[in-house]
Amino acid sequence: MRRKQISDKELIKGCIARKRVYHERLYARFSPKMFSICLRYASDYHSAEDILQEGFIKVYRNIHKFRHEGSFEGWLRRIFVNTAIEHYRKSTPMYPILEVNNSDYDVLNDRTLENLAANDLMKLVQNLSPGYRTVFNLYVIEGYAHKEIAKMLSISEGTSKSQLARARYILQKEVQKLYNQPYTTYVRQA
């Protein structure tokens, strides 16, 4: 027999009351989407699982703070993105960063990425270094501005922009390898 789908409001109420069945239902409903977020930021599957678990612990502890002013899924998404960023900060040694105001890489304006399946692109993004991957995800997928990314990651806006440019360059190079297209480097003249 199939369980009745309960509303987000009922889920929240049950979780606030600390009823285990509601915690389980919340997890069952949202874990696949939240795990895909975790995978985008993690360097591997096991790290993504750790981020997912940490994220749900934060959700359960803070669900009473949800103000019903936007979508519940959006609120969850923000928690998981922030948890992934915290995980990135803990797991990535911070080195002094040389600020780069201009990128040395021009991204070609072609349609190669449009032909790539989402799963293939996800694999390529996961192969990026943690810094490139995080900035790419925050900017391209989550829609944050460079100013917000800089604040979140404690880097400058210029560094955020250059890491995004470098990530796009690397991704484009990898996509072109997949399609066996000749790759031409476009470097700006100083």
N, C-alpha and C. Protein backbone atom coordinates (compact mmCIF):
# COMPACT_ATOMS: atom_id res chain seq x y z
N MET A 1 0.83 -1.17 0.00
CA MET A 1 0.00 0.00 0.00
C MET A 1 0.88 1.25 0.00
N ARG A 2 0.54 2.18 -0.79
CA ARG A 2 1.32 3.40 -0.96
C ARG A 2 1.00 4.42 0.14
N ARG A 3 2.07 5.05 0.64
CA ARG A 3 1.88 6.07 1.68
C ARG A 3 1.33 7.34 1.08
N LYS A 4 0.49 8.01 1.85
CA LYS A 4 -0.08 9.28 1.43
C LYS A 4 1.02 10.34 1.44
N GLN A 5 1.09 11.11 0.37
CA GLN A 5 2.06 12.19 0.27
C GLN A 5 1.63 13.31 1.23
N ILE A 6 2.49 13.66 2.13
CA ILE A 6 2.15 14.73 3.06
C ILE A 6 2.79 16.03 2.59
N SER A 7 2.22 17.13 2.99
CA SER A 7 2.70 18.44 2.55
C SER A 7 4.00 18.79 3.26
N ASP A 8 4.71 19.74 2.68
CA ASP A 8 5.94 20.23 3.31
C ASP A 8 5.64 20.78 4.70
N LYS A 9 4.52 21.46 4.82
CA LYS A 9 4.13 22.07 6.09
C LYS A 9 3.96 20.99 7.17
N GLU A 10 3.30 19.89 6.80
CA GLU A 10 3.12 18.78 7.74
C GLU A 10 4.46 18.13 8.08
N LEU A 11 5.30 17.99 7.07
CA LEU A 11 6.64 17.43 7.29
C LEU A 11 7.42 18.28 8.30
N ILE A 12 7.40 19.57 8.09
CA ILE A 12 8.12 20.50 8.96
C ILE A 12 7.59 20.40 10.39
N LYS A 13 6.28 20.41 10.51
CA LYS A 13 5.64 20.34 11.83
C LYS A 13 6.04 19.05 12.56
N GLY A 14 6.00 17.93 11.83
CA GLY A 14 6.37 16.65 12.41
C GLY A 14 7.84 16.59 12.82
N CYS A 15 8.70 17.21 12.00
CA CYS A 15 10.13 17.23 12.33
C CYS A 15 10.40 18.11 13.54
N ILE A 16 9.70 19.23 13.63
CA ILE A 16 9.86 20.11 14.80
C ILE A 16 9.43 19.37 16.06
N ALA A 17 8.40 18.54 15.94
CA ALA A 17 7.92 17.74 17.07
C ALA A 17 8.84 16.54 17.34
N ARG A 18 9.90 16.40 16.52
CA ARG A 18 10.91 15.34 16.66
C ARG A 18 10.33 13.94 16.50
N LYS A 19 9.39 13.82 15.58
CA LYS A 19 8.81 12.52 15.29
C LYS A 19 9.64 11.85 14.21
N ARG A 20 10.17 10.72 14.55
CA ARG A 20 11.11 10.02 13.66
C ARG A 20 10.53 9.74 12.28
N VAL A 21 9.27 9.37 12.21
CA VAL A 21 8.66 9.05 10.93
C VAL A 21 8.71 10.25 9.98
N TYR A 22 8.60 11.45 10.51
CA TYR A 22 8.67 12.65 9.67
C TYR A 22 10.10 12.92 9.23
N HIS A 23 11.06 12.63 10.10
CA HIS A 23 12.47 12.76 9.70
C HIS A 23 12.76 11.81 8.54
N GLU A 24 12.25 10.59 8.64
CA GLU A 24 12.47 9.60 7.59
C GLU A 24 11.81 10.02 6.27
N ARG A 25 10.62 10.55 6.37
CA ARG A 25 9.91 10.99 5.16
C ARG A 25 10.60 12.20 4.52
N LEU A 26 11.07 13.11 5.35
CA LEU A 26 11.81 14.27 4.83
C LEU A 26 13.04 13.79 4.08
N TYR A 27 13.77 12.88 4.68
CA TYR A 27 14.97 12.32 4.05
C TYR A 27 14.61 11.62 2.74
N ALA A 28 13.58 10.78 2.77
CA ALA A 28 13.19 10.04 1.58
C ALA A 28 12.77 10.98 0.44
N ARG A 29 12.10 12.06 0.78
CA ARG A 29 11.62 12.98 -0.24
C ARG A 29 12.73 13.83 -0.84
N PHE A 30 13.64 14.30 -0.02
CA PHE A 30 14.60 15.29 -0.50
C PHE A 30 16.04 14.79 -0.67
N SER A 31 16.36 13.63 -0.16
CA SER A 31 17.76 13.19 -0.24
C SER A 31 18.27 13.02 -1.68
N PRO A 32 17.48 12.53 -2.63
CA PRO A 32 18.05 12.41 -4.00
C PRO A 32 18.47 13.76 -4.58
N LYS A 33 17.64 14.78 -4.43
CA LYS A 33 18.00 16.10 -4.96
C LYS A 33 19.17 16.71 -4.20
N MET A 34 19.16 16.56 -2.88
CA MET A 34 20.23 17.14 -2.09
C MET A 34 21.55 16.40 -2.33
N PHE A 35 21.45 15.10 -2.58
CA PHE A 35 22.67 14.34 -2.87
C PHE A 35 23.30 14.80 -4.18
N SER A 36 22.47 15.15 -5.15
CA SER A 36 23.04 15.63 -6.41
C SER A 36 23.79 16.94 -6.19
N ILE A 37 23.31 17.78 -5.29
CA ILE A 37 24.04 19.01 -4.93
C ILE A 37 25.36 18.64 -4.29
N CYS A 38 25.32 17.72 -3.34
CA CYS A 38 26.54 17.29 -2.65
C CYS A 38 27.57 16.73 -3.63
N LEU A 39 27.10 15.95 -4.59
CA LEU A 39 28.01 15.37 -5.60
C LEU A 39 28.70 16.45 -6.43
N ARG A 40 27.99 17.53 -6.72
CA ARG A 40 28.59 18.60 -7.52
C ARG A 40 29.77 19.25 -6.81
N TYR A 41 29.73 19.30 -5.50
CA TYR A 41 30.78 19.97 -4.75
C TYR A 41 31.85 19.03 -4.22
N ALA A 42 31.52 17.78 -4.05
CA ALA A 42 32.45 16.82 -3.45
C ALA A 42 33.46 16.32 -4.47
N SER A 43 34.59 15.87 -3.94
CA SER A 43 35.62 15.33 -4.82
C SER A 43 35.35 13.86 -5.15
N ASP A 44 34.52 13.20 -4.34
CA ASP A 44 34.19 11.80 -4.61
C ASP A 44 32.85 11.45 -3.96
N TYR A 45 32.39 10.27 -4.25
CA TYR A 45 31.08 9.80 -3.79
C TYR A 45 30.99 9.78 -2.26
N HIS A 46 32.04 9.29 -1.61
CA HIS A 46 32.02 9.18 -0.14
C HIS A 46 32.00 10.54 0.53
N SER A 47 32.70 11.49 -0.02
CA SER A 47 32.65 12.86 0.52
C SER A 47 31.25 13.44 0.36
N ALA A 48 30.62 13.15 -0.77
CA ALA A 48 29.25 13.62 -1.01
C ALA A 48 28.30 13.02 0.03
N GLU A 49 28.50 11.75 0.36
CA GLU A 49 27.67 11.12 1.40
C GLU A 49 27.86 11.81 2.75
N ASP A 50 29.11 12.15 3.07
CA ASP A 50 29.40 12.86 4.32
C ASP A 50 28.70 14.21 4.36
N ILE A 51 28.76 14.93 3.25
CA ILE A 51 28.12 16.24 3.16
C ILE A 51 26.61 16.09 3.31
N LEU A 52 26.04 15.07 2.68
CA LEU A 52 24.61 14.81 2.78
C LEU A 52 24.20 14.57 4.23
N GLN A 53 24.95 13.74 4.91
CA GLN A 53 24.63 13.43 6.30
C GLN A 53 24.75 14.68 7.17
N GLU A 54 25.84 15.42 7.01
CA GLU A 54 26.01 16.67 7.77
C GLU A 54 24.87 17.64 7.49
N GLY A 55 24.49 17.74 6.23
CA GLY A 55 23.42 18.65 5.84
C GLY A 55 22.10 18.29 6.50
N PHE A 56 21.76 17.01 6.51
CA PHE A 56 20.48 16.62 7.13
C PHE A 56 20.52 16.81 8.64
N ILE A 57 21.65 16.63 9.25
CA ILE A 57 21.75 16.91 10.70
C ILE A 57 21.46 18.39 10.94
N LYS A 58 22.02 19.27 10.11
CA LYS A 58 21.75 20.70 10.24
C LYS A 58 20.27 21.01 9.99
N VAL A 59 19.69 20.36 9.01
CA VAL A 59 18.27 20.57 8.72
C VAL A 59 17.43 20.20 9.93
N TYR A 60 17.66 19.01 10.49
CA TYR A 60 16.87 18.56 11.63
C TYR A 60 17.05 19.49 12.84
N ARG A 61 18.27 19.97 13.03
CA ARG A 61 18.53 20.86 14.18
C ARG A 61 17.93 22.25 13.99
N ASN A 62 17.79 22.69 12.75
CA ASN A 62 17.38 24.07 12.48
C ASN A 62 16.03 24.21 11.79
N ILE A 63 15.30 23.14 11.64
CA ILE A 63 14.05 23.20 10.89
C ILE A 63 13.05 24.18 11.53
N HIS A 64 13.16 24.35 12.83
CA HIS A 64 12.26 25.30 13.50
C HIS A 64 12.52 26.75 13.07
N LYS A 65 13.64 27.00 12.42
CA LYS A 65 13.98 28.35 11.96
C LYS A 65 13.42 28.67 10.58
N PHE A 66 12.87 27.66 9.90
CA PHE A 66 12.28 27.91 8.58
C PHE A 66 11.09 28.84 8.76
N ARG A 67 11.07 29.96 8.03
CA ARG A 67 10.06 31.00 8.22
C ARG A 67 8.91 30.96 7.22
N HIS A 68 8.86 29.98 6.38
CA HIS A 68 7.78 29.83 5.39
C HIS A 68 7.69 31.06 4.47
N GLU A 69 8.83 31.69 4.19
CA GLU A 69 8.85 32.87 3.33
C GLU A 69 9.32 32.56 1.92
N GLY A 70 9.64 31.38 1.66
CA GLY A 70 10.06 30.93 0.34
C GLY A 70 9.79 29.44 0.27
N SER A 71 10.32 28.81 -0.74
CA SER A 71 10.10 27.37 -0.83
C SER A 71 10.96 26.64 0.19
N PHE A 72 10.40 25.59 0.72
CA PHE A 72 11.13 24.76 1.68
C PHE A 72 12.33 24.10 1.00
N GLU A 73 12.13 23.66 -0.24
CA GLU A 73 13.22 23.03 -0.98
C GLU A 73 14.37 24.01 -1.20
N GLY A 74 14.05 25.27 -1.46
CA GLY A 74 15.08 26.29 -1.60
C GLY A 74 15.86 26.49 -0.32
N TRP A 75 15.16 26.46 0.79
CA TRP A 75 15.80 26.59 2.11
C TRP A 75 16.75 25.42 2.33
N LEU A 76 16.27 24.21 2.02
CA LEU A 76 17.12 23.02 2.15
C LEU A 76 18.35 23.13 1.26
N ARG A 77 18.13 23.54 0.04
CA ARG A 77 19.21 23.66 -0.94
C ARG A 77 20.32 24.57 -0.41
N ARG A 78 19.92 25.68 0.17
CA ARG A 78 20.90 26.62 0.71
C ARG A 78 21.72 25.99 1.84
N ILE A 79 21.07 25.22 2.69
CA ILE A 79 21.77 24.53 3.77
C ILE A 79 22.80 23.56 3.19
N PHE A 80 22.42 22.83 2.16
CA PHE A 80 23.34 21.84 1.59
C PHE A 80 24.49 22.51 0.83
N VAL A 81 24.24 23.59 0.16
CA VAL A 81 25.32 24.33 -0.51
C VAL A 81 26.28 24.86 0.55
N ASN A 82 25.75 25.45 1.61
CA ASN A 82 26.61 25.98 2.67
C ASN A 82 27.39 24.87 3.37
N THR A 83 26.77 23.73 3.56
CA THR A 83 27.45 22.58 4.16
C THR A 83 28.59 22.11 3.25
N ALA A 84 28.34 22.09 1.96
CA ALA A 84 29.38 21.69 1.00
C ALA A 84 30.54 22.68 1.03
N ILE A 85 30.23 23.96 1.14
CA ILE A 85 31.29 24.97 1.20
C ILE A 85 32.11 24.81 2.48
N GLU A 86 31.43 24.56 3.60
CA GLU A 86 32.15 24.32 4.86
C GLU A 86 33.06 23.10 4.72
N HIS A 87 32.55 22.06 4.09
CA HIS A 87 33.34 20.85 3.88
C HIS A 87 34.56 21.17 3.02
N TYR A 88 34.36 21.97 1.99
CA TYR A 88 35.46 22.40 1.12
C TYR A 88 36.52 23.15 1.94
N ARG A 89 36.08 24.07 2.78
CA ARG A 89 37.03 24.86 3.59
C ARG A 89 37.83 23.97 4.53
N LYS A 90 37.16 22.98 5.14
CA LYS A 90 37.84 22.08 6.07
C LYS A 90 38.83 21.16 5.36
N SER A 91 38.46 20.71 4.18
CA SER A 91 39.26 19.69 3.50
C SER A 91 40.31 20.26 2.56
N THR A 92 40.24 21.54 2.26
CA THR A 92 41.18 22.13 1.31
C THR A 92 42.12 23.07 2.05
N PRO A 93 43.42 22.78 1.99
CA PRO A 93 44.35 23.69 2.64
C PRO A 93 44.30 25.06 1.96
N MET A 94 44.27 26.09 2.77
CA MET A 94 44.22 27.43 2.21
C MET A 94 45.64 27.96 2.05
N TYR A 95 45.97 28.33 0.85
CA TYR A 95 47.26 28.91 0.55
C TYR A 95 47.04 30.37 0.18
N PRO A 96 48.05 31.18 0.36
CA PRO A 96 47.88 32.56 -0.10
C PRO A 96 47.59 32.55 -1.60
N ILE A 97 46.64 33.38 -1.99
CA ILE A 97 46.22 33.41 -3.39
C ILE A 97 46.67 34.71 -4.02
N LEU A 98 47.32 34.57 -5.14
CA LEU A 98 47.71 35.74 -5.91
C LEU A 98 46.48 36.21 -6.67
N GLU A 99 46.11 37.45 -6.48
CA GLU A 99 44.93 37.96 -7.15
C GLU A 99 45.23 38.18 -8.62
N VAL A 100 44.30 37.72 -9.42
CA VAL A 100 44.41 37.88 -10.85
C VAL A 100 43.19 38.67 -11.31
N ASN A 101 43.41 39.83 -11.88
CA ASN A 101 42.29 40.64 -12.32
C ASN A 101 41.81 40.25 -13.70
N ASN A 102 42.69 39.75 -14.52
CA ASN A 102 42.31 39.32 -15.86
C ASN A 102 42.72 37.88 -16.05
N SER A 103 41.88 37.14 -16.68
CA SER A 103 42.19 35.75 -16.96
C SER A 103 43.01 35.69 -18.24
N ASP A 104 43.93 34.73 -18.27
CA ASP A 104 44.72 34.53 -19.48
C ASP A 104 44.00 33.60 -20.47
N TYR A 105 42.81 33.18 -20.14
CA TYR A 105 42.13 32.22 -20.97
C TYR A 105 40.82 32.80 -21.48
N ASP A 106 40.67 32.77 -22.76
CA ASP A 106 39.39 33.14 -23.36
C ASP A 106 38.64 31.85 -23.63
N VAL A 107 37.41 31.81 -23.21
CA VAL A 107 36.59 30.65 -23.46
C VAL A 107 35.96 30.82 -24.83
N LEU A 108 36.11 29.80 -25.64
CA LEU A 108 35.54 29.85 -26.98
C LEU A 108 34.02 29.92 -26.87
N ASN A 109 33.43 30.66 -27.75
CA ASN A 109 31.97 30.78 -27.74
C ASN A 109 31.41 29.83 -28.79
N ASP A 110 31.39 28.53 -28.42
CA ASP A 110 30.81 27.58 -29.36
C ASP A 110 29.71 26.78 -28.65
N ARG A 111 29.15 25.85 -29.34
CA ARG A 111 27.99 25.12 -28.82
C ARG A 111 28.36 23.71 -28.37
N THR A 112 29.62 23.45 -28.09
CA THR A 112 30.06 22.11 -27.74
C THR A 112 29.37 21.59 -26.49
N LEU A 113 29.22 22.43 -25.46
CA LEU A 113 28.62 21.99 -24.21
C LEU A 113 27.16 21.60 -24.37
N GLU A 114 26.47 22.16 -25.34
CA GLU A 114 25.06 21.85 -25.54
C GLU A 114 24.85 20.40 -25.94
N ASN A 115 25.85 19.78 -26.53
CA ASN A 115 25.72 18.39 -26.99
C ASN A 115 26.09 17.38 -25.91
N LEU A 116 26.55 17.86 -24.78
CA LEU A 116 27.04 16.99 -23.73
C LEU A 116 25.90 16.60 -22.78
N ALA A 117 25.81 15.34 -22.45
CA ALA A 117 24.80 14.88 -21.50
C ALA A 117 25.12 15.42 -20.12
N ALA A 118 24.10 15.64 -19.33
CA ALA A 118 24.27 16.21 -17.99
C ALA A 118 25.20 15.35 -17.13
N ASN A 119 25.08 14.04 -17.20
CA ASN A 119 25.93 13.16 -16.39
C ASN A 119 27.39 13.28 -16.79
N ASP A 120 27.64 13.41 -18.10
CA ASP A 120 29.01 13.55 -18.57
C ASP A 120 29.61 14.87 -18.08
N LEU A 121 28.81 15.92 -18.14
CA LEU A 121 29.28 17.22 -17.66
C LEU A 121 29.56 17.16 -16.17
N MET A 122 28.69 16.47 -15.42
CA MET A 122 28.88 16.32 -13.97
C MET A 122 30.21 15.65 -13.67
N LYS A 123 30.54 14.61 -14.44
CA LYS A 123 31.81 13.91 -14.23
C LYS A 123 32.99 14.84 -14.50
N LEU A 124 32.88 15.63 -15.55
CA LEU A 124 33.96 16.57 -15.87
C LEU A 124 34.12 17.63 -14.78
N VAL A 125 33.00 18.12 -14.28
CA VAL A 125 33.05 19.13 -13.21
C VAL A 125 33.68 18.52 -11.96
N GLN A 126 33.36 17.27 -11.65
CA GLN A 126 33.93 16.62 -10.47
C GLN A 126 35.44 16.45 -10.59
N ASN A 127 35.96 16.41 -11.80
CA ASN A 127 37.40 16.26 -12.00
C ASN A 127 38.17 17.56 -11.83
N LEU A 128 37.44 18.67 -11.76
CA LEU A 128 38.12 19.96 -11.54
C LEU A 128 38.72 19.98 -10.14
N SER A 129 39.72 20.82 -9.95
CA SER A 129 40.29 20.97 -8.61
C SER A 129 39.20 21.53 -7.69
N PRO A 130 39.31 21.33 -6.38
CA PRO A 130 38.26 21.78 -5.47
C PRO A 130 37.90 23.27 -5.61
N GLY A 131 38.89 24.11 -5.77
CA GLY A 131 38.63 25.55 -5.90
C GLY A 131 37.87 25.89 -7.16
N TYR A 132 38.30 25.35 -8.29
CA TYR A 132 37.63 25.60 -9.56
C TYR A 132 36.20 25.05 -9.52
N ARG A 133 36.08 23.81 -9.00
CA ARG A 133 34.78 23.15 -8.94
C ARG A 133 33.80 23.96 -8.08
N THR A 134 34.25 24.44 -6.95
CA THR A 134 33.38 25.17 -6.04
C THR A 134 32.92 26.48 -6.65
N VAL A 135 33.84 27.24 -7.21
CA VAL A 135 33.47 28.51 -7.83
C VAL A 135 32.55 28.27 -9.02
N PHE A 136 32.87 27.28 -9.84
CA PHE A 136 32.03 26.96 -11.00
C PHE A 136 30.60 26.64 -10.57
N ASN A 137 30.46 25.76 -9.57
CA ASN A 137 29.13 25.38 -9.10
C ASN A 137 28.37 26.56 -8.51
N LEU A 138 29.05 27.36 -7.69
CA LEU A 138 28.37 28.49 -7.07
C LEU A 138 27.91 29.50 -8.11
N TYR A 139 28.72 29.74 -9.11
CA TYR A 139 28.39 30.76 -10.10
C TYR A 139 27.42 30.23 -11.16
N VAL A 140 27.77 29.11 -11.76
CA VAL A 140 27.00 28.60 -12.90
C VAL A 140 25.73 27.88 -12.47
N ILE A 141 25.83 27.03 -11.47
CA ILE A 141 24.69 26.21 -11.08
C ILE A 141 23.79 26.93 -10.07
N GLU A 142 24.40 27.49 -9.03
CA GLU A 142 23.61 28.11 -7.96
C GLU A 142 23.23 29.56 -8.25
N GLY A 143 23.95 30.21 -9.14
CA GLY A 143 23.60 31.57 -9.52
C GLY A 143 24.11 32.67 -8.62
N TYR A 144 25.11 32.39 -7.81
CA TYR A 144 25.68 33.43 -6.95
C TYR A 144 26.53 34.38 -7.78
N ALA A 145 26.63 35.62 -7.33
CA ALA A 145 27.48 36.61 -7.97
C ALA A 145 28.90 36.44 -7.43
N HIS A 146 29.88 36.96 -8.16
CA HIS A 146 31.28 36.83 -7.73
C HIS A 146 31.50 37.49 -6.37
N LYS A 147 30.81 38.56 -6.11
CA LYS A 147 30.94 39.24 -4.81
C LYS A 147 30.50 38.31 -3.67
N GLU A 148 29.39 37.59 -3.88
CA GLU A 148 28.90 36.65 -2.87
C GLU A 148 29.85 35.46 -2.72
N ILE A 149 30.35 34.96 -3.83
CA ILE A 149 31.28 33.83 -3.80
C ILE A 149 32.55 34.23 -3.05
N ALA A 150 33.04 35.42 -3.34
CA ALA A 150 34.25 35.90 -2.68
C ALA A 150 34.06 35.93 -1.17
N LYS A 151 32.92 36.40 -0.74
CA LYS A 151 32.64 36.47 0.70
C LYS A 151 32.52 35.08 1.30
N MET A 152 31.81 34.18 0.61
CA MET A 152 31.61 32.82 1.11
C MET A 152 32.93 32.06 1.27
N LEU A 153 33.82 32.25 0.30
CA LEU A 153 35.06 31.48 0.27
C LEU A 153 36.27 32.23 0.82
N SER A 154 36.04 33.46 1.26
CA SER A 154 37.13 34.30 1.78
C SER A 154 38.22 34.51 0.74
N ILE A 155 37.80 34.84 -0.47
CA ILE A 155 38.73 35.15 -1.55
C ILE A 155 38.29 36.48 -2.15
N SER A 156 39.08 37.01 -3.06
CA SER A 156 38.70 38.26 -3.70
C SER A 156 37.77 37.97 -4.88
N GLU A 157 37.06 38.99 -5.32
CA GLU A 157 36.20 38.84 -6.50
C GLU A 157 37.03 38.47 -7.72
N GLY A 158 38.21 39.09 -7.84
CA GLY A 158 39.09 38.79 -8.97
C GLY A 158 39.50 37.32 -9.00
N THR A 159 39.77 36.77 -7.82
CA THR A 159 40.13 35.36 -7.74
C THR A 159 38.95 34.49 -8.15
N SER A 160 37.76 34.86 -7.70
CA SER A 160 36.56 34.11 -8.09
C SER A 160 36.39 34.12 -9.61
N LYS A 161 36.56 35.29 -10.21
CA LYS A 161 36.41 35.42 -11.66
C LYS A 161 37.47 34.61 -12.41
N SER A 162 38.69 34.67 -11.92
CA SER A 162 39.75 33.95 -12.63
C SER A 162 39.60 32.44 -12.46
N GLN A 163 39.13 32.00 -11.29
CA GLN A 163 38.92 30.56 -11.10
C GLN A 163 37.77 30.07 -11.98
N LEU A 164 36.75 30.88 -12.13
CA LEU A 164 35.65 30.51 -13.02
C LEU A 164 36.14 30.42 -14.47
N ALA A 165 36.90 31.41 -14.87
CA ALA A 165 37.42 31.41 -16.25
C ALA A 165 38.31 30.18 -16.48
N ARG A 166 39.14 29.87 -15.53
CA ARG A 166 40.03 28.71 -15.65
C ARG A 166 39.21 27.41 -15.68
N ALA A 167 38.19 27.33 -14.83
CA ALA A 167 37.33 26.13 -14.80
C ALA A 167 36.64 25.95 -16.15
N ARG A 168 36.13 27.03 -16.71
CA ARG A 168 35.45 26.94 -18.02
C ARG A 168 36.44 26.52 -19.10
N TYR A 169 37.63 27.05 -19.04
CA TYR A 169 38.67 26.72 -20.01
C TYR A 169 38.99 25.22 -19.94
N ILE A 170 39.18 24.72 -18.73
CA ILE A 170 39.50 23.30 -18.55
C ILE A 170 38.34 22.42 -19.02
N LEU A 171 37.12 22.80 -18.65
CA LEU A 171 35.96 22.02 -19.06
C LEU A 171 35.82 22.00 -20.58
N GLN A 172 36.01 23.15 -21.18
CA GLN A 172 35.89 23.22 -22.63
C GLN A 172 36.95 22.35 -23.31
N LYS A 173 38.15 22.39 -22.77
CA LYS A 173 39.24 21.58 -23.31
C LYS A 173 38.89 20.08 -23.20
N GLU A 174 38.35 19.67 -22.08
CA GLU A 174 37.98 18.27 -21.86
C GLU A 174 36.82 17.85 -22.76
N VAL A 175 35.85 18.73 -22.95
CA VAL A 175 34.72 18.43 -23.83
C VAL A 175 35.20 18.26 -25.26
N GLN A 176 36.08 19.13 -25.68
CA GLN A 176 36.58 19.03 -27.04
C GLN A 176 37.40 17.76 -27.23
N LYS A 177 38.08 17.30 -26.19
CA LYS A 177 38.79 16.01 -26.27
C LYS A 177 37.78 14.88 -26.46
N LEU A 178 36.67 14.95 -25.73
CA LEU A 178 35.64 13.91 -25.84
C LEU A 178 35.10 13.80 -27.26
N TYR A 179 34.96 14.92 -27.91
CA TYR A 179 34.41 14.94 -29.25
C TYR A 179 35.50 14.90 -30.32
N ASN A 180 36.73 14.65 -29.90
CA ASN A 180 37.86 14.56 -30.81
C ASN A 180 37.98 15.76 -31.74
N GLN A 181 37.70 16.92 -31.20
CA GLN A 181 37.85 18.13 -31.99
C GLN A 181 39.23 18.71 -31.71
N PRO A 182 39.84 19.27 -32.72
CA PRO A 182 41.13 19.91 -32.46
C PRO A 182 40.93 21.07 -31.49
N TYR A 183 41.88 21.22 -30.62
CA TYR A 183 41.77 22.28 -29.61
C TYR A 183 42.77 23.38 -29.92
N THR A 184 42.29 24.58 -29.97
CA THR A 184 43.14 25.73 -30.22
C THR A 184 43.17 26.57 -28.95
N THR A 185 44.34 26.93 -28.51
CA THR A 185 44.46 27.76 -27.33
C THR A 185 44.35 29.22 -27.72
N TYR A 186 43.51 29.89 -27.02
CA TYR A 186 43.36 31.32 -27.23
C TYR A 186 43.90 32.03 -25.99
N VAL A 187 45.00 32.71 -26.14
CA VAL A 187 45.62 33.40 -25.03
C VAL A 187 45.63 34.88 -25.34
N ARG A 188 45.21 35.66 -24.36
CA ARG A 188 45.22 37.11 -24.55
C ARG A 188 46.64 37.61 -24.54
N GLN A 189 46.89 38.59 -25.36
CA GLN A 189 48.19 39.21 -25.38
C GLN A 189 48.24 40.28 -24.28
N ALA A 190 49.28 40.25 -23.49
CA ALA A 190 49.39 41.22 -22.39
C ALA A 190 49.77 42.60 -22.91
